Amino acid sequence: MNYTITYYNERVKQQVMALPAGILADYIHLTDLMQYHGANLHMPHSLELRPKGKEGIGRAFYCTQIGQAIVILHSLVKKTNTTPAADLQLARKRLKEVNHS
C-alpha cells in the first residue's frame, strides 16, 4: 500500500462507516484500490467515489494532500439523481480548508 486514507474529521469517518452495507462494501473496495493506485481512479471516480449497493448509490468526496494521504471530505447516500448543492458546497469548503492547512 502506497497511499493512506484519512478523514476530514471523526464525524465524516462515522458517516462513511454508517453507509448501508452494500454501499459501504463498494466504498471499501474503491478505497482499497486507492491505497494501491492513488486517487487517480479515472471517471467516474474522479474527486468523488461512487459506491453502489442494493440500497442505492452513495458519494464520498475526497482530495489528495501533499504526500501520499487521501482525505475523505464528505459522504452521503443519494436520494435523487443529482447531488444536493449543500453537500457539494460542504465538500468544496472542506477542500479549501484542507488545502490551506
N, C-alpha and C. Protein backbone atom coordinates (compact mmCIF):
# COMPACT_ATOMS: atom_id res chain seq x y z
N MET A 1 0.83 -1.18 0.00
CA MET A 1 0.00 0.00 0.00
C MET A 1 0.87 1.24 0.00
N ASN A 2 0.63 2.12 -0.93
CA ASN A 2 1.42 3.33 -1.06
C ASN A 2 0.73 4.56 -0.50
N TYR A 3 -0.58 4.56 -0.43
CA TYR A 3 -1.36 5.72 -0.02
C TYR A 3 -2.15 5.39 1.24
N THR A 4 -2.45 6.42 2.02
CA THR A 4 -3.28 6.22 3.20
C THR A 4 -4.59 6.98 3.03
N ILE A 5 -5.63 6.42 3.60
CA ILE A 5 -6.94 7.06 3.59
C ILE A 5 -7.13 7.70 4.95
N THR A 6 -7.40 9.00 4.97
CA THR A 6 -7.72 9.70 6.21
C THR A 6 -9.08 10.37 6.03
N TYR A 7 -9.59 10.91 7.10
CA TYR A 7 -10.90 11.54 7.07
C TYR A 7 -10.79 12.98 7.56
N TYR A 8 -11.63 13.83 7.01
CA TYR A 8 -11.64 15.24 7.37
C TYR A 8 -11.76 15.39 8.89
N ASN A 9 -12.63 14.61 9.49
CA ASN A 9 -12.75 14.57 10.94
C ASN A 9 -13.43 13.25 11.33
N GLU A 10 -13.56 13.03 12.61
CA GLU A 10 -14.14 11.77 13.10
C GLU A 10 -15.60 11.62 12.67
N ARG A 11 -16.32 12.72 12.59
CA ARG A 11 -17.72 12.67 12.18
C ARG A 11 -17.86 12.15 10.75
N VAL A 12 -16.99 12.61 9.86
CA VAL A 12 -17.02 12.12 8.47
C VAL A 12 -16.74 10.62 8.44
N LYS A 13 -15.77 10.19 9.23
CA LYS A 13 -15.45 8.75 9.28
C LYS A 13 -16.66 7.96 9.76
N GLN A 14 -17.34 8.45 10.79
CA GLN A 14 -18.52 7.77 11.31
C GLN A 14 -19.65 7.74 10.27
N GLN A 15 -19.82 8.84 9.52
CA GLN A 15 -20.85 8.88 8.47
C GLN A 15 -20.55 7.84 7.39
N VAL A 16 -19.29 7.75 7.01
CA VAL A 16 -18.91 6.77 5.99
C VAL A 16 -19.17 5.36 6.50
N MET A 17 -18.75 5.08 7.73
CA MET A 17 -18.92 3.73 8.27
C MET A 17 -20.38 3.38 8.52
N ALA A 18 -21.26 4.39 8.53
CA ALA A 18 -22.69 4.16 8.73
C ALA A 18 -23.44 4.01 7.40
N LEU A 19 -22.73 4.07 6.28
CA LEU A 19 -23.38 3.85 4.99
C LEU A 19 -24.03 2.47 4.98
N PRO A 20 -25.11 2.28 4.25
CA PRO A 20 -25.72 0.94 4.14
C PRO A 20 -24.68 -0.10 3.71
N ALA A 21 -24.86 -1.32 4.16
CA ALA A 21 -23.86 -2.38 4.00
C ALA A 21 -23.35 -2.55 2.57
N GLY A 22 -24.24 -2.59 1.60
CA GLY A 22 -23.81 -2.79 0.21
C GLY A 22 -22.99 -1.63 -0.32
N ILE A 23 -23.42 -0.42 0.01
CA ILE A 23 -22.68 0.77 -0.42
C ILE A 23 -21.33 0.83 0.28
N LEU A 24 -21.32 0.51 1.58
CA LEU A 24 -20.07 0.51 2.34
C LEU A 24 -19.09 -0.52 1.78
N ALA A 25 -19.57 -1.68 1.39
CA ALA A 25 -18.69 -2.71 0.82
C ALA A 25 -18.03 -2.20 -0.45
N ASP A 26 -18.79 -1.52 -1.32
CA ASP A 26 -18.21 -0.98 -2.55
C ASP A 26 -17.26 0.16 -2.22
N TYR A 27 -17.60 1.00 -1.24
CA TYR A 27 -16.70 2.08 -0.80
C TYR A 27 -15.35 1.49 -0.35
N ILE A 28 -15.40 0.45 0.46
CA ILE A 28 -14.17 -0.19 0.94
C ILE A 28 -13.36 -0.74 -0.23
N HIS A 29 -14.03 -1.35 -1.18
CA HIS A 29 -13.34 -1.85 -2.39
C HIS A 29 -12.63 -0.70 -3.12
N LEU A 30 -13.34 0.41 -3.30
CA LEU A 30 -12.76 1.56 -4.01
C LEU A 30 -11.60 2.17 -3.23
N THR A 31 -11.73 2.28 -1.92
CA THR A 31 -10.62 2.86 -1.14
C THR A 31 -9.43 1.91 -1.10
N ASP A 32 -9.68 0.61 -1.15
CA ASP A 32 -8.57 -0.35 -1.26
C ASP A 32 -7.79 -0.09 -2.55
N LEU A 33 -8.51 0.12 -3.66
CA LEU A 33 -7.85 0.44 -4.92
C LEU A 33 -7.04 1.73 -4.81
N MET A 34 -7.62 2.72 -4.13
CA MET A 34 -6.93 4.00 -3.96
C MET A 34 -5.65 3.85 -3.14
N GLN A 35 -5.67 2.96 -2.16
CA GLN A 35 -4.47 2.76 -1.34
C GLN A 35 -3.33 2.20 -2.17
N TYR A 36 -3.64 1.42 -3.17
CA TYR A 36 -2.60 0.85 -4.03
C TYR A 36 -2.24 1.73 -5.22
N HIS A 37 -3.24 2.38 -5.80
CA HIS A 37 -3.02 3.10 -7.06
C HIS A 37 -3.11 4.61 -6.95
N GLY A 38 -3.44 5.12 -5.78
CA GLY A 38 -3.61 6.55 -5.61
C GLY A 38 -5.02 6.98 -5.97
N ALA A 39 -5.22 8.29 -5.94
CA ALA A 39 -6.56 8.84 -6.14
C ALA A 39 -6.97 8.88 -7.60
N ASN A 40 -6.09 8.59 -8.51
CA ASN A 40 -6.40 8.70 -9.93
C ASN A 40 -7.08 7.43 -10.43
N LEU A 41 -8.35 7.26 -10.05
CA LEU A 41 -9.10 6.09 -10.49
C LEU A 41 -9.84 6.34 -11.80
N HIS A 42 -9.74 7.53 -12.34
CA HIS A 42 -10.39 7.91 -13.59
C HIS A 42 -11.90 7.98 -13.41
N MET A 43 -12.56 8.49 -14.41
CA MET A 43 -14.01 8.66 -14.37
C MET A 43 -14.67 7.30 -14.22
N PRO A 44 -15.74 7.20 -13.47
CA PRO A 44 -16.46 8.29 -12.82
C PRO A 44 -15.96 8.59 -11.42
N HIS A 45 -14.84 8.02 -11.00
CA HIS A 45 -14.35 8.19 -9.64
C HIS A 45 -13.27 9.25 -9.56
N SER A 46 -13.51 10.41 -10.12
CA SER A 46 -12.55 11.49 -10.11
C SER A 46 -13.01 12.55 -9.12
N LEU A 47 -12.36 12.65 -8.00
CA LEU A 47 -12.67 13.55 -6.88
C LEU A 47 -13.92 13.15 -6.10
N GLU A 48 -14.59 12.13 -6.55
CA GLU A 48 -15.66 11.56 -5.74
C GLU A 48 -15.74 10.07 -6.03
N LEU A 49 -15.94 9.32 -4.97
CA LEU A 49 -16.19 7.89 -5.14
C LEU A 49 -17.68 7.71 -5.31
N ARG A 50 -18.06 6.75 -6.10
CA ARG A 50 -19.48 6.49 -6.37
C ARG A 50 -19.82 5.04 -6.02
N PRO A 51 -19.76 4.73 -4.73
CA PRO A 51 -20.07 3.35 -4.35
C PRO A 51 -21.56 3.04 -4.54
N LYS A 52 -21.82 1.81 -4.98
CA LYS A 52 -23.19 1.36 -5.23
C LYS A 52 -23.45 0.10 -4.43
N GLY A 53 -24.69 -0.09 -4.11
CA GLY A 53 -25.12 -1.30 -3.43
C GLY A 53 -26.60 -1.51 -3.69
N LYS A 54 -27.13 -2.60 -3.18
CA LYS A 54 -28.55 -2.85 -3.39
C LYS A 54 -29.42 -1.77 -2.76
N GLU A 55 -28.83 -1.02 -1.80
CA GLU A 55 -29.57 0.03 -1.12
C GLU A 55 -29.61 1.35 -1.90
N GLY A 56 -28.80 1.45 -2.93
CA GLY A 56 -28.77 2.68 -3.72
C GLY A 56 -27.36 3.09 -4.06
N ILE A 57 -27.17 4.41 -4.19
CA ILE A 57 -25.89 4.97 -4.60
C ILE A 57 -25.40 5.93 -3.53
N GLY A 58 -24.12 5.85 -3.24
CA GLY A 58 -23.51 6.78 -2.30
C GLY A 58 -22.51 7.67 -3.01
N ARG A 59 -22.06 8.67 -2.30
CA ARG A 59 -21.00 9.54 -2.78
C ARG A 59 -20.04 9.78 -1.62
N ALA A 60 -18.77 9.81 -1.92
CA ALA A 60 -17.75 10.19 -0.95
C ALA A 60 -16.78 11.11 -1.68
N PHE A 61 -16.74 12.36 -1.27
CA PHE A 61 -15.86 13.34 -1.91
C PHE A 61 -14.50 13.29 -1.24
N TYR A 62 -13.44 13.39 -2.03
CA TYR A 62 -12.10 13.29 -1.47
C TYR A 62 -11.15 14.25 -2.18
N CYS A 63 -9.99 14.41 -1.58
CA CYS A 63 -8.92 15.18 -2.21
C CYS A 63 -7.60 14.51 -1.84
N THR A 64 -6.56 14.84 -2.54
CA THR A 64 -5.24 14.36 -2.16
C THR A 64 -4.50 15.50 -1.49
N GLN A 65 -3.70 15.14 -0.55
CA GLN A 65 -2.90 16.11 0.17
C GLN A 65 -1.46 15.93 -0.26
N ILE A 66 -0.61 16.79 0.21
CA ILE A 66 0.82 16.64 -0.07
C ILE A 66 1.26 15.28 0.45
N GLY A 67 2.01 14.59 -0.35
CA GLY A 67 2.45 13.26 0.05
C GLY A 67 1.47 12.20 -0.41
N GLN A 68 1.33 11.18 0.39
CA GLN A 68 0.55 10.01 -0.01
C GLN A 68 -0.78 9.90 0.74
N ALA A 69 -1.30 11.01 1.26
CA ALA A 69 -2.56 10.96 2.01
C ALA A 69 -3.74 11.36 1.12
N ILE A 70 -4.79 10.58 1.20
CA ILE A 70 -6.05 10.88 0.53
C ILE A 70 -7.07 11.18 1.62
N VAL A 71 -7.67 12.36 1.57
CA VAL A 71 -8.58 12.80 2.63
C VAL A 71 -10.03 12.69 2.14
N ILE A 72 -10.83 11.94 2.88
CA ILE A 72 -12.26 11.85 2.59
C ILE A 72 -12.91 13.06 3.25
N LEU A 73 -13.57 13.89 2.44
CA LEU A 73 -14.12 15.16 2.91
C LEU A 73 -15.57 15.07 3.37
N HIS A 74 -16.37 14.25 2.69
CA HIS A 74 -17.81 14.21 2.97
C HIS A 74 -18.40 12.99 2.28
N SER A 75 -19.47 12.45 2.85
CA SER A 75 -20.16 11.33 2.20
C SER A 75 -21.66 11.47 2.37
N LEU A 76 -22.38 10.78 1.50
CA LEU A 76 -23.84 10.79 1.57
C LEU A 76 -24.39 9.62 0.77
N VAL A 77 -25.65 9.31 1.04
CA VAL A 77 -26.40 8.37 0.21
C VAL A 77 -27.33 9.22 -0.62
N LYS A 78 -27.27 9.05 -1.93
CA LYS A 78 -28.09 9.86 -2.83
C LYS A 78 -29.54 9.41 -2.79
N LYS A 79 -30.42 10.39 -2.73
CA LYS A 79 -31.85 10.13 -2.74
C LYS A 79 -32.47 10.54 -4.07
N THR A 80 -31.73 11.36 -4.85
CA THR A 80 -32.21 11.83 -6.15
C THR A 80 -31.11 11.62 -7.19
N ASN A 81 -31.38 11.95 -8.44
CA ASN A 81 -30.38 11.81 -9.49
C ASN A 81 -29.26 12.82 -9.38
N THR A 82 -29.52 13.96 -8.76
CA THR A 82 -28.48 14.98 -8.62
C THR A 82 -27.98 15.03 -7.19
N THR A 83 -26.73 15.43 -7.04
CA THR A 83 -26.16 15.60 -5.72
C THR A 83 -26.63 16.95 -5.18
N PRO A 84 -27.17 16.98 -3.96
CA PRO A 84 -27.66 18.24 -3.40
C PRO A 84 -26.56 19.31 -3.34
N ALA A 85 -26.94 20.53 -3.69
CA ALA A 85 -25.99 21.65 -3.71
C ALA A 85 -25.32 21.85 -2.36
N ALA A 86 -26.06 21.66 -1.28
CA ALA A 86 -25.48 21.86 0.06
C ALA A 86 -24.35 20.87 0.32
N ASP A 87 -24.49 19.65 -0.16
CA ASP A 87 -23.43 18.64 0.01
C ASP A 87 -22.20 19.01 -0.81
N LEU A 88 -22.40 19.49 -2.02
CA LEU A 88 -21.27 19.92 -2.85
C LEU A 88 -20.56 21.11 -2.22
N GLN A 89 -21.33 22.07 -1.69
CA GLN A 89 -20.73 23.24 -1.05
C GLN A 89 -19.91 22.84 0.16
N LEU A 90 -20.43 21.92 0.96
CA LEU A 90 -19.70 21.46 2.14
C LEU A 90 -18.39 20.79 1.74
N ALA A 91 -18.42 19.95 0.73
CA ALA A 91 -17.20 19.29 0.26
C ALA A 91 -16.19 20.31 -0.24
N ARG A 92 -16.64 21.30 -0.99
CA ARG A 92 -15.73 22.35 -1.50
C ARG A 92 -15.14 23.17 -0.37
N LYS A 93 -15.94 23.50 0.63
CA LYS A 93 -15.46 24.26 1.79
C LYS A 93 -14.36 23.48 2.51
N ARG A 94 -14.61 22.21 2.73
CA ARG A 94 -13.62 21.38 3.41
C ARG A 94 -12.36 21.22 2.57
N LEU A 95 -12.51 21.14 1.25
CA LEU A 95 -11.36 21.06 0.36
C LEU A 95 -10.47 22.29 0.53
N LYS A 96 -11.09 23.47 0.57
CA LYS A 96 -10.32 24.70 0.77
C LYS A 96 -9.60 24.68 2.11
N GLU A 97 -10.28 24.22 3.15
CA GLU A 97 -9.67 24.14 4.48
C GLU A 97 -8.46 23.21 4.48
N VAL A 98 -8.60 22.05 3.87
CA VAL A 98 -7.50 21.09 3.83
C VAL A 98 -6.32 21.66 3.02
N ASN A 99 -6.63 22.30 1.91
CA ASN A 99 -5.57 22.85 1.05
C ASN A 99 -4.84 24.01 1.69
N HIS A 100 -5.49 24.70 2.62
CA HIS A 100 -4.86 25.87 3.25
C HIS A 100 -4.32 25.56 4.64
N SER A 101 -4.33 24.31 5.04
CA SER A 101 -3.79 23.99 6.37
C SER A 101 -2.36 23.50 6.29
